[in-house]
Amino acid sequence: MASCPGGTASNVVTFLVNADVALSVMMTTVSTFAAVVMTPLLTKTLVAAMVPVDAKALFVSTLQASFVVVSYVPKTLSF
């Protein structure tokens, strides 16, 4: 159970078919940031009836994981 934002592959395919790459990148960015909020919310809403879910802790860990990818990966790859 998770929100699944678009990935690099969708942007590459958009480029290959000469579509609007800027729009694809913007939609990927928006959906990635929305996933940070929606994943804990959907998990709490849909799974909490069967399994106890700490939505706040899930939100914090999702935010930390996203921050690491956005902040440190480009630095290590020299972008």
C-alpha atoms as a PDB file:
ATOM      1  CA  MET A   1       0.000   0.000   0.000  1.00  0.00           C
ATOM      2  CA  ALA A   2       1.638   3.234  -1.121  1.00  0.00           C
ATOM      3  CA  SER A   3       1.245   6.213  -3.331  1.00  0.00           C
ATOM      4  CA  CYS A   4       3.255   5.612  -6.463  1.00  0.00           C
ATOM      5  CA  PRO A   5       4.642   8.742  -8.064  1.00  0.00           C
ATOM      6  CA  GLY A   6       5.865   8.724 -11.656  1.00  0.00           C
ATOM      7  CA  GLY A   7       9.492   7.894 -12.154  1.00  0.00           C
ATOM      8  CA  THR A   8      12.369   8.601 -14.466  1.00  0.00           C
ATOM      9  CA  ALA A   9      11.107   6.055 -16.982  1.00  0.00           C
ATOM     10  CA  SER A  10       7.931   8.050 -17.605  1.00  0.00           C
ATOM     11  CA  ASN A  11       9.991  11.165 -18.282  1.00  0.00           C
ATOM     12  CA  VAL A  12      12.265   9.262 -20.693  1.00  0.00           C
ATOM     13  CA  VAL A  13       9.289   7.832 -22.579  1.00  0.00           C
ATOM     14  CA  THR A  14       7.776  11.318 -22.749  1.00  0.00           C
ATOM     15  CA  PHE A  15      11.024  12.573 -24.275  1.00  0.00           C
ATOM     16  CA  LEU A  16      11.209   9.688 -26.766  1.00  0.00           C
ATOM     17  CA  VAL A  17       7.718  10.367 -28.133  1.00  0.00           C
ATOM     18  CA  ASN A  18       8.378  14.126 -28.364  1.00  0.00           C
ATOM     19  CA  ALA A  19       5.707  15.003 -25.805  1.00  0.00           C
ATOM     20  CA  ASP A  20       5.785  17.786 -23.209  1.00  0.00           C
ATOM     21  CA  VAL A  21       8.801  16.821 -21.069  1.00  0.00           C
ATOM     22  CA  ALA A  22       8.497  19.868 -18.794  1.00  0.00           C
ATOM     23  CA  LEU A  23       4.921  18.886 -17.949  1.00  0.00           C
ATOM     24  CA  SER A  24       5.980  15.291 -17.281  1.00  0.00           C
ATOM     25  CA  VAL A  25       8.793  16.383 -14.949  1.00  0.00           C
ATOM     26  CA  MET A  26       6.476  18.796 -13.120  1.00  0.00           C
ATOM     27  CA  MET A  27       3.798  16.108 -12.653  1.00  0.00           C
ATOM     28  CA  THR A  28       6.447  13.649 -11.410  1.00  0.00           C
ATOM     29  CA  THR A  29       7.679  16.233  -8.893  1.00  0.00           C
ATOM     30  CA  VAL A  30       4.186  17.046  -7.629  1.00  0.00           C
ATOM     31  CA  SER A  31       3.211  13.379  -7.297  1.00  0.00           C
ATOM     32  CA  THR A  32       6.451  12.596  -5.451  1.00  0.00           C
ATOM     33  CA  PHE A  33       5.786  15.311  -2.877  1.00  0.00           C
ATOM     34  CA  ALA A  34       2.119  14.268  -2.606  1.00  0.00           C
ATOM     35  CA  ALA A  35       3.197  10.680  -1.926  1.00  0.00           C
ATOM     36  CA  VAL A  36       5.008  11.821   1.233  1.00  0.00           C
ATOM     37  CA  VAL A  37       1.667  12.941   2.671  1.00  0.00           C
ATOM     38  CA  MET A  38      -0.681  10.456   1.014  1.00  0.00           C
ATOM     39  CA  THR A  39       1.191   7.259   1.928  1.00  0.00           C
ATOM     40  CA  PRO A  40       0.756   7.677   5.714  1.00  0.00           C
ATOM     41  CA  LEU A  41      -2.792   9.004   5.267  1.00  0.00           C
ATOM     42  CA  LEU A  42      -3.910   6.086   3.085  1.00  0.00           C
ATOM     43  CA  THR A  43      -2.144   3.582   5.298  1.00  0.00           C
ATOM     44  CA  LYS A  44      -3.833   4.970   8.407  1.00  0.00           C
ATOM     45  CA  THR A  45      -7.223   5.074   6.681  1.00  0.00           C
ATOM     46  CA  LEU A  46      -7.183   1.710   4.925  1.00  0.00           C
ATOM     47  CA  VAL A  47      -4.955  -0.531   7.055  1.00  0.00           C
ATOM     48  CA  ALA A  48      -5.530   0.746  10.588  1.00  0.00           C
ATOM     49  CA  ALA A  49      -8.649  -1.395  10.996  1.00  0.00           C
ATOM     50  CA  MET A  50      -6.460  -4.527  10.972  1.00  0.00           C
ATOM     51  CA  VAL A  51      -3.022  -3.355  12.094  1.00  0.00           C
ATOM     52  CA  PRO A  52      -2.131  -0.491  14.427  1.00  0.00           C
ATOM     53  CA  VAL A  53      -0.492   2.266  12.361  1.00  0.00           C
ATOM     54  CA  ASP A  54       1.408   5.251  13.704  1.00  0.00           C
ATOM     55  CA  ALA A  55       0.716   7.678  10.850  1.00  0.00           C
ATOM     56  CA  LYS A  56       2.906  10.420  12.324  1.00  0.00           C
ATOM     57  CA  ALA A  57       5.969   8.157  12.556  1.00  0.00           C
ATOM     58  CA  LEU A  58       5.292   6.844   9.050  1.00  0.00           C
ATOM     59  CA  PHE A  59       5.065  10.416   7.740  1.00  0.00           C
ATOM     60  CA  VAL A  60       8.356  11.369   9.404  1.00  0.00           C
ATOM     61  CA  SER A  61      10.197   8.312   8.069  1.00  0.00           C
ATOM     62  CA  THR A  62       8.802   8.863   4.551  1.00  0.00           C
ATOM     63  CA  LEU A  63       9.835  12.513   4.691  1.00  0.00           C
ATOM     64  CA  GLN A  64      13.332  11.559   5.867  1.00  0.00           C
ATOM     65  CA  ALA A  65      13.738   8.992   3.088  1.00  0.00           C
ATOM     66  CA  SER A  66      12.606  11.504   0.467  1.00  0.00           C
ATOM     67  CA  PHE A  67      14.935  14.155   1.896  1.00  0.00           C
ATOM     68  CA  VAL A  68      17.922  11.811   1.707  1.00  0.00           C
ATOM     69  CA  VAL A  69      17.240  10.983  -1.932  1.00  0.00           C
ATOM     70  CA  VAL A  70      16.695  14.612  -2.955  1.00  0.00           C
ATOM     71  CA  SER A  71      19.593  16.024  -0.912  1.00  0.00           C
ATOM     72  CA  TYR A  72      22.401  13.507  -0.801  1.00  0.00           C
ATOM     73  CA  VAL A  73      22.152  11.371  -3.921  1.00  0.00           C
ATOM     74  CA  PRO A  74      22.766  14.263  -6.372  1.00  0.00           C
ATOM     75  CA  LYS A  75      25.744  15.403  -4.271  1.00  0.00           C
ATOM     76  CA  THR A  76      27.322  11.954  -4.338  1.00  0.00           C
ATOM     77  CA  LEU A  77      26.790  11.710  -8.092  1.00  0.00           C
ATOM     78  CA  SER A  78      28.242  15.226  -8.608  1.00  0.00           C
ATOM     79  CA  PHE A  79      25.151  16.878 -10.071  1.00  0.00           C
END
